[in-house]
Amino acid sequence: NLSDIVRRTVDDVYIPVCVGGGLRSVED
C-alpha cells in the first residue's frame, strides 16, 4: 500500500529508497 507514499517521497528526496512488504512477483 506504499505506492502513493513512495511517489510523494521521491518528489522531495534524492537518496536511495528501498520498499518492502507484500511484493510477490516481478510485476509487483
PDB file of all heavy atoms in Angstrom:
ATOM      1  N   ASN A   1       0.817  -1.209   0.000  1.00  0.00           N
ATOM      2  CA  ASN A   1       0.000   0.000   0.000  1.00  0.00           C
ATOM      3  C   ASN A   1       0.853   1.262   0.000  1.00  0.00           C
ATOM      4  O   ASN A   1       0.372   2.320   0.391  1.00  0.00           O
ATOM      5  CB  ASN A   1      -0.905  -0.017   1.246  1.00  0.00           C
ATOM      6  CG  ASN A   1      -2.047   0.965   1.156  1.00  0.00           C
ATOM      7  OD1 ASN A   1      -2.658   1.119   0.098  1.00  0.00           O
ATOM      8  ND2 ASN A   1      -2.345   1.646   2.254  1.00  0.00           N
ATOM      9  N   LEU A   2       2.105   1.148  -0.442  1.00  0.00           N
ATOM     10  CA  LEU A   2       3.035   2.264  -0.285  1.00  0.00           C
ATOM     11  C   LEU A   2       3.222   3.104  -1.538  1.00  0.00           C
ATOM     12  O   LEU A   2       3.998   4.062  -1.513  1.00  0.00           O
ATOM     13  CB  LEU A   2       4.399   1.727   0.163  1.00  0.00           C
ATOM     14  CG  LEU A   2       4.442   1.126   1.570  1.00  0.00           C
ATOM     15  CD1 LEU A   2       5.813   0.561   1.858  1.00  0.00           C
ATOM     16  CD2 LEU A   2       4.072   2.167   2.619  1.00  0.00           C
ATOM     17  N   SER A   3       2.540   2.807  -2.616  1.00  0.00           N
ATOM     18  CA  SER A   3       2.788   3.499  -3.879  1.00  0.00           C
ATOM     19  C   SER A   3       2.685   5.013  -3.740  1.00  0.00           C
ATOM     20  O   SER A   3       3.577   5.755  -4.174  1.00  0.00           O
ATOM     21  CB  SER A   3       1.827   3.010  -4.963  1.00  0.00           C
ATOM     22  OG  SER A   3       2.069   1.653  -5.259  1.00  0.00           O
ATOM     23  N   ASP A   4       1.600   5.500  -3.150  1.00  0.00           N
ATOM     24  CA  ASP A   4       1.404   6.941  -3.041  1.00  0.00           C
ATOM     25  C   ASP A   4       2.439   7.573  -2.111  1.00  0.00           C
ATOM     26  O   ASP A   4       2.947   8.669  -2.379  1.00  0.00           O
ATOM     27  CB  ASP A   4      -0.007   7.246  -2.534  1.00  0.00           C
ATOM     28  CG  ASP A   4      -1.063   6.951  -3.575  1.00  0.00           C
ATOM     29  OD1 ASP A   4      -0.709   6.865  -4.770  1.00  0.00           O
ATOM     30  OD2 ASP A   4      -2.244   6.801  -3.201  1.00  0.00           O
ATOM     31  N   ILE A   5       2.758   6.886  -1.022  1.00  0.00           N
ATOM     32  CA  ILE A   5       3.752   7.407  -0.080  1.00  0.00           C
ATOM     33  C   ILE A   5       5.115   7.497  -0.751  1.00  0.00           C
ATOM     34  O   ILE A   5       5.823   8.501  -0.621  1.00  0.00           O
ATOM     35  CB  ILE A   5       3.806   6.518   1.178  1.00  0.00           C
ATOM     36  CG1 ILE A   5       2.518   6.676   1.987  1.00  0.00           C
ATOM     37  CG2 ILE A   5       5.022   6.852   2.038  1.00  0.00           C
ATOM     38  CD1 ILE A   5       2.374   5.702   3.139  1.00  0.00           C
ATOM     39  N   VAL A   6       5.483   6.455  -1.492  1.00  0.00           N
ATOM     40  CA  VAL A   6       6.778   6.466  -2.184  1.00  0.00           C
ATOM     41  C   VAL A   6       6.810   7.566  -3.237  1.00  0.00           C
ATOM     42  O   VAL A   6       7.796   8.299  -3.360  1.00  0.00           O
ATOM     43  CB  VAL A   6       7.054   5.094  -2.821  1.00  0.00           C
ATOM     44  CG1 VAL A   6       8.292   5.141  -3.709  1.00  0.00           C
ATOM     45  CG2 VAL A   6       7.222   4.028  -1.742  1.00  0.00           C
ATOM     46  N   ARG A   7       5.739   7.689  -3.980  1.00  0.00           N
ATOM     47  CA  ARG A   7       5.694   8.716  -5.034  1.00  0.00           C
ATOM     48  C   ARG A   7       5.885  10.110  -4.442  1.00  0.00           C
ATOM     49  O   ARG A   7       6.611  10.943  -4.995  1.00  0.00           O
ATOM     50  CB  ARG A   7       4.360   8.641  -5.778  1.00  0.00           C
ATOM     51  CG  ARG A   7       4.312   9.517  -7.031  1.00  0.00           C
ATOM     52  CD  ARG A   7       2.929   9.574  -7.645  1.00  0.00           C
ATOM     53  NE  ARG A   7       2.465   8.287  -8.125  1.00  0.00           N
ATOM     54  CZ  ARG A   7       1.478   7.582  -7.600  1.00  0.00           C
ATOM     55  NH1 ARG A   7       0.848   8.034  -6.520  1.00  0.00           N
ATOM     56  NH2 ARG A   7       1.102   6.439  -8.122  1.00  0.00           N
ATOM     57  N   ARG A   8       5.229  10.385  -3.312  1.00  0.00           N
ATOM     58  CA  ARG A   8       5.381  11.700  -2.680  1.00  0.00           C
ATOM     59  C   ARG A   8       6.789  11.887  -2.125  1.00  0.00           C
ATOM     60  O   ARG A   8       7.349  12.983  -2.197  1.00  0.00           O
ATOM     61  CB  ARG A   8       4.347  11.878  -1.565  1.00  0.00           C
ATOM     62  CG  ARG A   8       2.921  11.986  -2.072  1.00  0.00           C
ATOM     63  CD  ARG A   8       1.992  12.590  -1.025  1.00  0.00           C
ATOM     64  NE  ARG A   8       1.970  11.851   0.225  1.00  0.00           N
ATOM     65  CZ  ARG A   8       1.151  10.818   0.465  1.00  0.00           C
ATOM     66  NH1 ARG A   8       0.328  10.383  -0.488  1.00  0.00           N
ATOM     67  NH2 ARG A   8       1.169  10.212   1.629  1.00  0.00           N
ATOM     68  N   THR A   9       7.355  10.819  -1.588  1.00  0.00           N
ATOM     69  CA  THR A   9       8.701  10.919  -1.018  1.00  0.00           C
ATOM     70  C   THR A   9       9.727  11.274  -2.080  1.00  0.00           C
ATOM     71  O   THR A   9      10.557  12.168  -1.887  1.00  0.00           O
ATOM     72  CB  THR A   9       9.087   9.596  -0.332  1.00  0.00           C
ATOM     73  OG1 THR A   9       8.262   9.406   0.815  1.00  0.00           O
ATOM     74  CG2 THR A   9      10.542   9.614   0.107  1.00  0.00           C
ATOM     75  N   VAL A  10       9.700  10.569  -3.200  1.00  0.00           N
ATOM     76  CA  VAL A  10      10.757  10.763  -4.200  1.00  0.00           C
ATOM     77  C   VAL A  10      10.646  12.106  -4.907  1.00  0.00           C
ATOM     78  O   VAL A  10      11.584  12.528  -5.587  1.00  0.00           O
ATOM     79  CB  VAL A  10      10.795   9.609  -5.220  1.00  0.00           C
ATOM     80  CG1 VAL A  10      11.097   8.294  -4.526  1.00  0.00           C
ATOM     81  CG2 VAL A  10       9.499   9.522  -6.020  1.00  0.00           C
ATOM     82  N   ASP A  11       9.530  12.788  -4.728  1.00  0.00           N
ATOM     83  CA  ASP A  11       9.428  14.161  -5.247  1.00  0.00           C
ATOM     84  C   ASP A  11      10.296  15.109  -4.442  1.00  0.00           C
ATOM     85  O   ASP A  11      10.687  16.176  -4.932  1.00  0.00           O
ATOM     86  CB  ASP A  11       7.971  14.645  -5.205  1.00  0.00           C
ATOM     87  CG  ASP A  11       7.116  14.020  -6.300  1.00  0.00           C
ATOM     88  OD1 ASP A  11       7.703  13.512  -7.280  1.00  0.00           O
ATOM     89  OD2 ASP A  11       5.879  14.032  -6.171  1.00  0.00           O
ATOM     90  N   ASP A  12      10.587  14.732  -3.177  1.00  0.00           N
ATOM     91  CA  ASP A  12      11.274  15.641  -2.259  1.00  0.00           C
ATOM     92  C   ASP A  12      12.661  15.194  -1.823  1.00  0.00           C
ATOM     93  O   ASP A  12      13.426  15.990  -1.294  1.00  0.00           O
ATOM     94  CB  ASP A  12      10.424  15.831  -0.986  1.00  0.00           C
ATOM     95  CG  ASP A  12       9.114  16.550  -1.257  1.00  0.00           C
ATOM     96  OD1 ASP A  12       9.095  17.413  -2.152  1.00  0.00           O
ATOM     97  OD2 ASP A  12       8.117  16.246  -0.582  1.00  0.00           O
ATOM     98  N   VAL A  13      12.981  13.920  -1.991  1.00  0.00           N
ATOM     99  CA  VAL A  13      14.274  13.438  -1.511  1.00  0.00           C
ATOM    100  C   VAL A  13      15.059  12.817  -2.656  1.00  0.00           C
ATOM    101  O   VAL A  13      14.481  12.301  -3.608  1.00  0.00           O
ATOM    102  CB  VAL A  13      14.121  12.422  -0.362  1.00  0.00           C
ATOM    103  CG1 VAL A  13      13.221  12.964   0.730  1.00  0.00           C
ATOM    104  CG2 VAL A  13      13.592  11.095  -0.856  1.00  0.00           C
ATOM    105  N   TYR A  14      16.376  12.860  -2.528  1.00  0.00           N
ATOM    106  CA  TYR A  14      17.254  12.406  -3.606  1.00  0.00           C
ATOM    107  C   TYR A  14      18.321  11.459  -3.068  1.00  0.00           C
ATOM    108  O   TYR A  14      19.511  11.638  -3.298  1.00  0.00           O
ATOM    109  CB  TYR A  14      17.865  13.610  -4.324  1.00  0.00           C
ATOM    110  CG  TYR A  14      16.801  14.581  -4.797  1.00  0.00           C
ATOM    111  CD1 TYR A  14      16.474  15.699  -4.049  1.00  0.00           C
ATOM    112  CD2 TYR A  14      16.087  14.330  -5.962  1.00  0.00           C
ATOM    113  CE1 TYR A  14      15.478  16.570  -4.464  1.00  0.00           C
ATOM    114  CE2 TYR A  14      15.087  15.192  -6.391  1.00  0.00           C
ATOM    115  CZ  TYR A  14      14.789  16.303  -5.640  1.00  0.00           C
ATOM    116  OH  TYR A  14      13.785  17.147  -6.055  1.00  0.00           O
ATOM    117  N   ILE A  15      17.851  10.478  -2.320  1.00  0.00           N
ATOM    118  CA  ILE A  15      18.706   9.417  -1.799  1.00  0.00           C
ATOM    119  C   ILE A  15      18.000   8.094  -2.105  1.00  0.00           C
ATOM    120  O   ILE A  15      16.808   8.071  -2.418  1.00  0.00           O
ATOM    121  CB  ILE A  15      18.940   9.555  -0.282  1.00  0.00           C
ATOM    122  CG1 ILE A  15      17.602   9.644   0.468  1.00  0.00           C
ATOM    123  CG2 ILE A  15      19.830  10.763   0.024  1.00  0.00           C
ATOM    124  CD1 ILE A  15      17.731   9.685   1.985  1.00  0.00           C
ATOM    125  N   PRO A  16      18.716   6.974  -2.022  1.00  0.00           N
ATOM    126  CA  PRO A  16      18.071   5.685  -2.318  1.00  0.00           C
ATOM    127  C   PRO A  16      16.892   5.388  -1.399  1.00  0.00           C
ATOM    128  O   PRO A  16      16.929   5.663  -0.198  1.00  0.00           O
ATOM    129  CB  PRO A  16      19.206   4.681  -2.116  1.00  0.00           C
ATOM    130  CG  PRO A  16      20.455   5.470  -2.364  1.00  0.00           C
ATOM    131  CD  PRO A  16      20.171   6.837  -1.813  1.00  0.00           C
ATOM    132  N   VAL A  17      15.851   4.826  -1.991  1.00  0.00           N
ATOM    133  CA  VAL A  17      14.657   4.417  -1.257  1.00  0.00           C
ATOM    134  C   VAL A  17      14.421   2.934  -1.517  1.00  0.00           C
ATOM    135  O   VAL A  17      14.333   2.498  -2.664  1.00  0.00           O
ATOM    136  CB  VAL A  17      13.424   5.228  -1.700  1.00  0.00           C
ATOM    137  CG1 VAL A  17      12.166   4.704  -1.001  1.00  0.00           C
ATOM    138  CG2 VAL A  17      13.617   6.713  -1.411  1.00  0.00           C
ATOM    139  N   CYS A  18      14.334   2.165  -0.440  1.00  0.00           N
ATOM    140  CA  CYS A  18      14.034   0.736  -0.525  1.00  0.00           C
ATOM    141  C   CYS A  18      12.634   0.515   0.040  1.00  0.00           C
ATOM    142  O   CYS A  18      12.271   1.123   1.057  1.00  0.00           O
ATOM    143  CB  CYS A  18      15.063  -0.075   0.262  1.00  0.00           C
ATOM    144  SG  CYS A  18      14.810  -1.874   0.208  1.00  0.00           S
ATOM    145  N   VAL A  19      11.877  -0.356  -0.618  1.00  0.00           N
ATOM    146  CA  VAL A  19      10.491  -0.594  -0.216  1.00  0.00           C
ATOM    147  C   VAL A  19      10.260  -2.086  -0.022  1.00  0.00           C
ATOM    148  O   VAL A  19      10.696  -2.900  -0.843  1.00  0.00           O
ATOM    149  CB  VAL A  19       9.507  -0.051  -1.268  1.00  0.00           C
ATOM    150  CG1 VAL A  19       8.061  -0.383  -0.889  1.00  0.00           C
ATOM    151  CG2 VAL A  19       9.669   1.461  -1.427  1.00  0.00           C
ATOM    152  N   GLY A  20       9.580  -2.444   1.051  1.00  0.00           N
ATOM    153  CA  GLY A  20       9.266  -3.842   1.310  1.00  0.00           C
ATOM    154  C   GLY A  20       7.849  -4.015   1.810  1.00  0.00           C
ATOM    155  O   GLY A  20       7.202  -3.069   2.252  1.00  0.00           O
ATOM    156  N   GLY A  21       7.374  -5.254   1.724  1.00  0.00           N
ATOM    157  CA  GLY A  21       6.049  -5.589   2.217  1.00  0.00           C
ATOM    158  C   GLY A  21       5.088  -5.925   1.093  1.00  0.00           C
ATOM    159  O   GLY A  21       4.763  -5.072   0.275  1.00  0.00           O
ATOM    160  N   GLY A  22       4.656  -7.172   1.034  1.00  0.00           N
ATOM    161  CA  GLY A  22       3.615  -7.562   0.102  1.00  0.00           C
ATOM    162  C   GLY A  22       4.015  -7.676  -1.352  1.00  0.00           C
ATOM    163  O   GLY A  22       3.155  -7.800  -2.219  1.00  0.00           O
ATOM    164  N   LEU A  23       5.299  -7.654  -1.648  1.00  0.00           N
ATOM    165  CA  LEU A  23       5.761  -7.774  -3.028  1.00  0.00           C
ATOM    166  C   LEU A  23       5.926  -9.253  -3.353  1.00  0.00           C
ATOM    167  O   LEU A  23       6.761  -9.938  -2.782  1.00  0.00           O
ATOM    168  CB  LEU A  23       7.076  -7.016  -3.215  1.00  0.00           C
ATOM    169  CG  LEU A  23       7.012  -5.527  -2.852  1.00  0.00           C
ATOM    170  CD1 LEU A  23       8.396  -4.909  -2.861  1.00  0.00           C
ATOM    171  CD2 LEU A  23       6.080  -4.782  -3.793  1.00  0.00           C
ATOM    172  N   ARG A  24       5.124  -9.741  -4.308  1.00  0.00           N
ATOM    173  CA  ARG A  24       5.035 -11.185  -4.531  1.00  0.00           C
ATOM    174  C   ARG A  24       5.458 -11.625  -5.921  1.00  0.00           C
ATOM    175  O   ARG A  24       5.478 -12.820  -6.207  1.00  0.00           O
ATOM    176  CB  ARG A  24       3.593 -11.652  -4.283  1.00  0.00           C
ATOM    177  CG  ARG A  24       3.118 -11.481  -2.865  1.00  0.00           C
ATOM    178  CD  ARG A  24       1.630 -11.741  -2.771  1.00  0.00           C
ATOM    179  NE  ARG A  24       0.886 -10.722  -3.515  1.00  0.00           N
ATOM    180  CZ  ARG A  24      -0.311 -10.917  -4.051  1.00  0.00           C
ATOM    181  NH1 ARG A  24      -0.881 -12.105  -3.971  1.00  0.00           N
ATOM    182  NH2 ARG A  24      -0.924  -9.947  -4.693  1.00  0.00           N
ATOM    183  N   SER A  25       5.772 -10.655  -6.805  1.00  0.00           N
ATOM    184  CA  SER A  25       6.057 -11.020  -8.192  1.00  0.00           C
ATOM    185  C   SER A  25       6.937  -9.956  -8.835  1.00  0.00           C
ATOM    186  O   SER A  25       7.110  -8.846  -8.302  1.00  0.00           O
ATOM    187  CB  SER A  25       4.756 -11.128  -8.988  1.00  0.00           C
ATOM    188  OG  SER A  25       4.131  -9.854  -9.088  1.00  0.00           O
ATOM    189  N   VAL A  26       7.485 -10.305  -9.990  1.00  0.00           N
ATOM    190  CA  VAL A  26       8.252  -9.331 -10.769  1.00  0.00           C
ATOM    191  C   VAL A  26       7.375  -8.135 -11.117  1.00  0.00           C
ATOM    192  O   VAL A  26       7.833  -6.987 -11.098  1.00  0.00           O
ATOM    193  CB  VAL A  26       8.817  -9.994 -12.042  1.00  0.00           C
ATOM    194  CG1 VAL A  26       9.376  -8.948 -13.003  1.00  0.00           C
ATOM    195  CG2 VAL A  26       9.901 -11.007 -11.672  1.00  0.00           C
ATOM    196  N   GLU A  27       6.104  -8.380 -11.387  1.00  0.00           N
ATOM    197  CA  GLU A  27       5.188  -7.287 -11.724  1.00  0.00           C
ATOM    198  C   GLU A  27       4.986  -6.352 -10.544  1.00  0.00           C
ATOM    199  O   GLU A  27       4.930  -5.117 -10.714  1.00  0.00           O
ATOM    200  CB  GLU A  27       3.842  -7.853 -12.184  1.00  0.00           C
ATOM    201  CG  GLU A  27       3.877  -8.546 -13.532  1.00  0.00           C
ATOM    202  CD  GLU A  27       4.623  -9.883 -13.510  1.00  0.00           C
ATOM    203  OE1 GLU A  27       4.662 -10.532 -12.426  1.00  0.00           O
ATOM    204  OE2 GLU A  27       5.177 -10.273 -14.553  1.00  0.00           O
ATOM    205  N   ASP A  28       4.876  -6.905  -9.336  1.00  0.00           N
ATOM    206  CA  ASP A  28       4.751  -6.066  -8.139  1.00  0.00           C
ATOM    207  C   ASP A  28       5.988  -5.196  -7.970  1.00  0.00           C
ATOM    208  O   ASP A  28       5.896  -4.011  -7.623  1.00  0.00           O
ATOM    209  CB  ASP A  28       4.582  -6.934  -6.889  1.00  0.00           C
ATOM    210  CG  ASP A  28       3.222  -7.600  -6.801  1.00  0.00           C
ATOM    211  OD1 ASP A  28       2.303  -7.199  -7.541  1.00  0.00           O
ATOM    212  OD2 ASP A  28       3.084  -8.536  -5.984  1.00  0.00           O
TER     213      ASP A  28
END
